[in-house]
Protein backbone atom coordinates (compact mmCIF):
# COMPACT_ATOMS: atom_id res chain seq x y z
CA MET A 1 0.00 0.00 0.00
CA ASN A 2 1.50 3.36 -1.04
CA ARG A 3 1.31 6.58 0.97
CA TYR A 4 -1.73 7.87 -0.93
CA GLN A 5 -3.64 4.65 -0.29
CA LYS A 6 -2.72 4.77 3.41
CA LEU A 7 -3.86 8.40 3.59
CA TYR A 8 -7.21 7.79 1.94
CA LYS A 9 -7.81 4.85 4.24
CA THR A 10 -7.49 7.15 7.25
CA LEU A 11 -9.70 9.94 5.85
CA ILE A 12 -12.37 8.88 3.37
CA PRO A 13 -14.26 6.34 5.54
CA PHE A 14 -14.66 9.10 8.12
CA LYS A 15 -15.88 11.64 5.54
CA HIS A 16 -12.77 13.74 5.93
CA GLY A 17 -11.28 15.23 2.79
CA CYS A 18 -7.60 15.64 1.96
CA PHE A 19 -6.04 19.06 2.15
CA ILE A 20 -3.09 19.27 -0.25
CA PRO A 21 -1.30 22.63 -0.43
CA PHE A 22 0.74 23.59 -3.48
CA VAL A 23 3.84 25.76 -3.29
CA ILE A 24 6.84 26.35 -5.52
CA LEU A 25 10.15 24.95 -4.25
CA GLY A 26 12.56 27.77 -3.41
CA ASP A 27 9.90 30.52 -3.16
CA PRO A 28 10.85 33.05 -1.80
CA SER A 29 14.16 31.44 -0.78
CA ILE A 30 15.28 27.90 -0.11
CA ASN A 31 15.39 28.29 3.68
CA THR A 32 12.03 30.07 3.92
CA SER A 33 10.47 27.61 1.48
CA LEU A 34 11.49 24.73 3.75
CA LYS A 35 9.99 26.53 6.76
CA ILE A 36 6.75 27.13 4.82
CA ILE A 37 6.50 23.43 3.97
CA ASP A 38 7.12 22.50 7.61
CA ILE A 39 4.37 24.80 8.89
CA LEU A 40 1.91 23.58 6.23
CA ILE A 41 2.47 19.99 7.41
CA GLU A 42 2.28 20.96 11.09
CA SER A 43 -0.97 22.86 10.40
CA GLY A 44 -2.92 20.10 8.73
CA ALA A 45 -1.61 19.33 5.25
CA ASP A 46 -2.41 15.71 4.37
CA GLY A 47 -0.14 15.70 1.34
CA LEU A 48 2.11 18.07 -0.57
CA GLU A 49 2.08 19.18 -4.18
CA LEU A 50 5.40 20.86 -4.90
CA GLY A 51 6.24 22.78 -8.03
CA ILE A 52 9.67 22.66 -9.61
CA PRO A 53 10.33 26.21 -10.84
CA PHE A 54 9.93 26.53 -14.58
CA SER A 55 10.50 29.52 -16.85
CA ASP A 56 7.31 29.09 -18.88
CA PRO A 57 4.54 27.75 -16.60
CA LEU A 58 1.69 27.85 -19.13
CA ALA A 59 -0.93 26.38 -16.77
CA ASP A 60 -0.34 29.00 -14.10
CA GLY A 61 -1.73 32.46 -13.55
CA LYS A 62 0.11 35.58 -12.44
CA ILE A 63 0.42 34.64 -8.76
CA ILE A 64 2.21 31.34 -9.41
CA GLN A 65 4.19 32.78 -12.32
CA ASN A 66 5.62 35.34 -9.87
CA ALA A 67 6.41 32.55 -7.41
CA ASN A 68 8.53 30.87 -10.10
CA LEU A 69 10.37 34.15 -10.68
CA ARG A 70 11.05 34.64 -6.94
CA ALA A 71 12.40 31.10 -6.74
CA PHE A 72 14.75 31.71 -9.67
CA SER A 73 15.86 34.99 -8.08
CA SER A 74 16.76 33.06 -4.93
CA GLY A 75 19.15 30.91 -6.98
CA ILE A 76 17.09 27.74 -7.18
CA SER A 77 18.02 25.03 -9.67
CA ILE A 78 16.64 21.56 -10.32
CA TYR A 79 19.56 20.06 -8.39
CA LYS A 80 18.80 22.31 -5.40
CA CYS A 81 15.16 21.22 -5.69
CA PHE A 82 16.26 17.61 -5.32
CA LYS A 83 18.35 18.55 -2.28
CA MET A 84 15.25 20.23 -0.78
CA LEU A 85 13.15 17.15 -1.52
CA HIS A 86 15.76 14.97 0.16
CA ASP A 87 15.60 17.15 3.28
CA ILE A 88 11.78 17.26 3.28
CA ARG A 89 11.45 13.49 2.94
CA LYS A 90 14.08 12.85 5.60
CA LYS A 91 12.04 14.97 8.01
CA HIS A 92 8.52 13.92 6.96
CA LYS A 93 8.58 10.23 6.15
CA THR A 94 4.87 9.41 5.90
CA ILE A 95 3.26 12.33 4.06
CA PRO A 96 2.60 11.82 0.33
CA ILE A 97 4.76 14.14 -1.76
CA GLY A 98 3.71 14.89 -5.32
CA LEU A 99 5.64 16.96 -7.84
CA LEU A 100 4.15 19.24 -10.46
CA SER A 101 6.39 19.91 -13.41
CA TYR A 102 6.44 20.56 -17.14
CA ALA A 103 7.39 18.16 -19.92
CA ASN A 104 10.29 20.18 -21.36
CA LEU A 105 12.02 20.40 -17.99
CA ILE A 106 11.86 16.63 -17.53
CA PHE A 107 12.78 15.94 -21.16
CA LYS A 108 15.86 18.18 -20.84
CA PHE A 109 16.94 16.45 -17.62
CA GLY A 110 16.31 13.07 -19.19
CA ILE A 111 13.04 11.24 -18.57
CA LYS A 112 14.69 8.13 -17.15
CA ASP A 113 17.14 10.09 -15.00
CA PHE A 114 14.39 12.38 -13.67
CA TYR A 115 12.20 9.52 -12.53
CA LEU A 116 15.16 7.64 -11.03
CA LYS A 117 16.17 10.78 -9.14
CA CYS A 118 12.60 11.25 -7.89
CA SER A 119 12.53 7.62 -6.82
CA ASN A 120 15.71 8.18 -4.83
CA MET A 121 13.97 11.13 -3.12
CA ASP A 122 10.99 8.87 -2.35
CA ILE A 123 8.55 10.97 -4.35
CA ASP A 124 5.03 9.55 -4.52
CA SER A 125 3.55 11.10 -7.65
CA ILE A 126 4.38 13.28 -10.63
CA LEU A 127 1.92 15.48 -12.50
CA ILE A 128 3.15 17.03 -15.76
CA ALA A 129 0.93 20.01 -16.39
CA ASP A 130 1.41 20.30 -20.16
CA LEU A 131 1.67 16.61 -21.06
CA PRO A 132 -1.18 15.31 -23.25
CA ILE A 133 -2.17 11.85 -22.08
CA GLU A 134 -1.74 10.57 -25.65
CA GLU A 135 1.98 11.50 -25.47
CA SER A 136 2.59 10.16 -21.99
CA TYR A 137 3.86 6.61 -22.66
CA SER A 138 7.57 7.22 -22.00
CA PHE A 139 6.81 9.13 -18.80
CA ARG A 140 4.40 6.45 -17.58
CA LYS A 141 6.89 3.70 -18.41
CA TYR A 142 9.57 5.13 -16.11
CA ALA A 143 6.99 6.09 -13.49
CA LYS A 144 5.99 2.42 -13.31
CA ILE A 145 9.61 1.21 -13.17
CA CYS A 146 10.32 3.69 -10.34
CA HIS A 147 7.08 3.00 -8.43
CA ILE A 148 5.88 6.59 -8.81
CA SER A 149 2.19 7.29 -9.39
CA PRO A 150 1.37 9.25 -12.55
CA VAL A 151 -1.29 11.91 -12.02
CA PHE A 152 -3.29 13.36 -14.92
CA ILE A 153 -5.48 16.43 -15.09
CA CYS A 154 -9.14 15.96 -15.95
CA PRO A 155 -10.65 19.14 -17.42
CA PRO A 156 -14.36 19.81 -16.86
CA ASP A 157 -15.08 19.42 -20.57
CA ALA A 158 -13.13 16.18 -21.08
CA GLU A 159 -14.45 13.84 -23.76
CA GLN A 160 -15.41 10.27 -22.89
CA ASN A 161 -12.32 8.65 -24.44
CA ILE A 162 -10.03 11.04 -22.55
CA ILE A 163 -11.87 10.40 -19.27
CA LYS A 164 -11.31 6.67 -19.72
CA LYS A 165 -7.58 7.15 -20.33
CA ILE A 166 -7.22 9.49 -17.35
CA ALA A 167 -9.00 6.99 -15.12
CA LYS A 168 -6.79 4.19 -16.43
CA TYR A 169 -3.43 5.90 -16.11
CA SER A 170 -3.81 8.09 -12.98
CA THR A 171 -2.84 5.90 -10.06
CA GLY A 172 -2.20 8.34 -7.18
CA TYR A 173 -5.27 10.50 -7.68
CA ILE A 174 -7.10 12.27 -10.49
CA TYR A 175 -6.63 16.04 -10.56
CA LEU A 176 -10.07 17.39 -11.40
CA LEU A 177 -10.09 20.97 -12.64
CA SER A 178 -12.71 23.29 -11.17
CA ARG A 179 -12.74 25.18 -14.45
CA SER A 180 -10.78 25.78 -17.63
CA GLY A 181 -8.07 28.44 -17.81
CA VAL A 182 -5.06 28.97 -15.58
CA THR A 183 -4.51 28.83 -11.82
CA GLY A 184 -5.70 31.71 -9.68
CA ILE A 185 -8.10 32.73 -6.94
CA ASP A 186 -11.88 32.57 -7.36
CA ASN A 187 -14.17 33.99 -4.70
CA GLU A 188 -17.46 32.67 -6.02
CA ILE A 189 -18.68 29.19 -5.21
CA ILE A 190 -17.19 26.60 -7.52
CA VAL A 191 -19.91 24.18 -8.55
CA PRO A 192 -18.33 20.74 -8.78
CA PRO A 193 -19.01 19.10 -12.15
CA LEU A 194 -21.18 16.31 -10.75
CA TYR A 195 -21.72 14.58 -14.08
CA LEU A 196 -17.96 14.25 -14.45
CA ILE A 197 -17.48 13.01 -10.88
CA ASN A 198 -20.08 10.32 -11.46
CA LYS A 199 -18.49 9.26 -14.74
CA LEU A 200 -15.07 8.92 -13.11
CA LYS A 201 -16.42 7.03 -10.11
CA LYS A 202 -18.08 4.50 -12.37
CA ILE A 203 -14.79 3.51 -13.98
CA THR A 204 -12.14 3.96 -11.27
CA ASN A 205 -11.61 3.79 -7.53
CA VAL A 206 -8.74 6.27 -7.65
CA PRO A 207 -9.64 9.30 -5.48
CA ILE A 208 -10.59 12.54 -7.18
CA ILE A 209 -8.88 15.69 -5.93
CA GLN A 210 -10.14 19.07 -7.13
CA GLY A 211 -7.95 22.08 -7.82
CA PHE A 212 -7.89 25.52 -9.51
CA GLY A 213 -9.45 28.62 -7.99
CA ILE A 214 -10.13 27.19 -4.53
CA SER A 215 -9.57 29.89 -1.96
CA ASN A 216 -12.09 29.72 0.89
CA THR A 217 -13.70 27.35 3.36
CA LYS A 218 -17.21 27.64 1.87
CA GLN A 219 -15.95 26.34 -1.47
CA ILE A 220 -14.08 23.50 0.22
CA LYS A 221 -17.10 22.30 2.20
CA GLN A 222 -19.22 22.25 -0.94
CA ILE A 223 -16.58 20.34 -2.88
CA ILE A 224 -16.11 17.67 -0.19
CA LEU A 225 -19.88 17.32 0.24
CA SER A 226 -20.17 16.63 -3.50
CA GLY A 227 -18.19 13.41 -3.04
CA ILE A 228 -14.73 14.61 -4.05
CA SER A 229 -11.91 13.20 -1.90
CA GLY A 230 -9.90 16.35 -1.39
CA ILE A 231 -8.70 19.72 -2.59
CA ILE A 232 -5.48 21.32 -3.76
CA CYS A 233 -4.92 24.97 -2.83
CA GLY A 234 -2.01 26.89 -4.32
CA SER A 235 -2.60 30.50 -5.30
CA ILE A 236 -4.25 31.53 -2.02
CA ILE A 237 -1.17 30.30 -0.12
CA ILE A 238 1.32 31.71 -2.59
CA GLN A 239 -0.43 35.08 -2.46
CA LEU A 240 0.56 35.26 1.22
CA ILE A 241 4.17 34.55 0.28
CA GLU A 242 3.98 37.40 -2.23
CA GLN A 243 2.57 39.79 0.38
CA TYR A 244 4.70 38.91 3.40
CA TYR A 245 7.97 37.35 2.21
CA HIS A 246 9.95 40.32 3.54
CA ASP A 247 8.68 39.53 7.07
CA GLU A 248 9.29 35.80 7.59
CA GLU A 249 7.80 35.57 11.08
CA LYS A 250 4.55 37.20 9.96
CA LEU A 251 4.50 35.08 6.80
CA ILE A 252 4.79 31.82 8.72
CA GLN A 253 2.02 32.84 11.11
CA LYS A 254 -0.28 33.85 8.24
CA ILE A 255 0.31 30.54 6.45
CA LYS A 256 -0.26 28.62 9.67
CA ASN A 257 -3.62 30.32 10.24
CA LEU A 258 -4.72 29.78 6.64
CA SER A 259 -3.65 26.14 6.60
CA LEU A 260 -5.53 25.37 9.82
CA SER A 261 -8.65 27.02 8.42
CA LEU A 262 -8.51 25.20 5.06
CA LYS A 263 -7.89 21.83 6.68
CA LYS A 264 -10.77 22.33 9.12
CA ALA A 265 -13.13 22.93 6.19
CA THR A 266 -12.35 19.47 4.75
CA LYS A 267 -13.79 17.77 7.83
CA ILE A 268 -17.45 17.33 7.10
CA ILE A 269 -17.87 15.26 10.24
CA ALA A 270 -15.65 16.62 13.01
């Protein structure tokens, strides 16, 4: 049983959803980034989704684009990311750690070498934001060899044949998009695409995690009540980094308070 399966076993039967925060490695600096990840875990994160900084993050809006730029300004590199991942895993042995990256970055590093390196860091899943599922064979092949779960994004307007492939090849979880477009913060209620949830549940037991635009507790409660297993929040956390990164003590406290609040909202039955 992998870490995701162990996590779901402790949450889903009790109608608790997963809270998975997303941050960019090295934002705003390596040391502060490690402290942010620590406080997210201490304040309720059930899993981590960590972004490897990339110069052209097409799936991301302005807030996460700026996070990538801050990370590069701090001197981050892919090798320093792996050193961070080594330190995070050494400290937090049981929490599922997923990576979000882009195909060109992995291709340039070498697909086989990237997955082997991630395996050495004990990474649980890899989501490649711009990788069409039809072009994913080589990535999935090394993911399988390295015992890393591939994760694919399911857009709200996915066609039936794509839904079937996503359900077949996503083994850690399925990343269900709240909406089309790029990452960001939405204040209005996000109506979960129930028809899509039902389609996925008919053909796979892999948990569905919803992301994009989730920024408040009201949204989270509605999403978990709809039958989705958890949520990923990125921009709302990264916005705090953008606002308070010059005052680390205040930043850590703000992230702690937000994380506690978001996690609490995933517990439908306290």
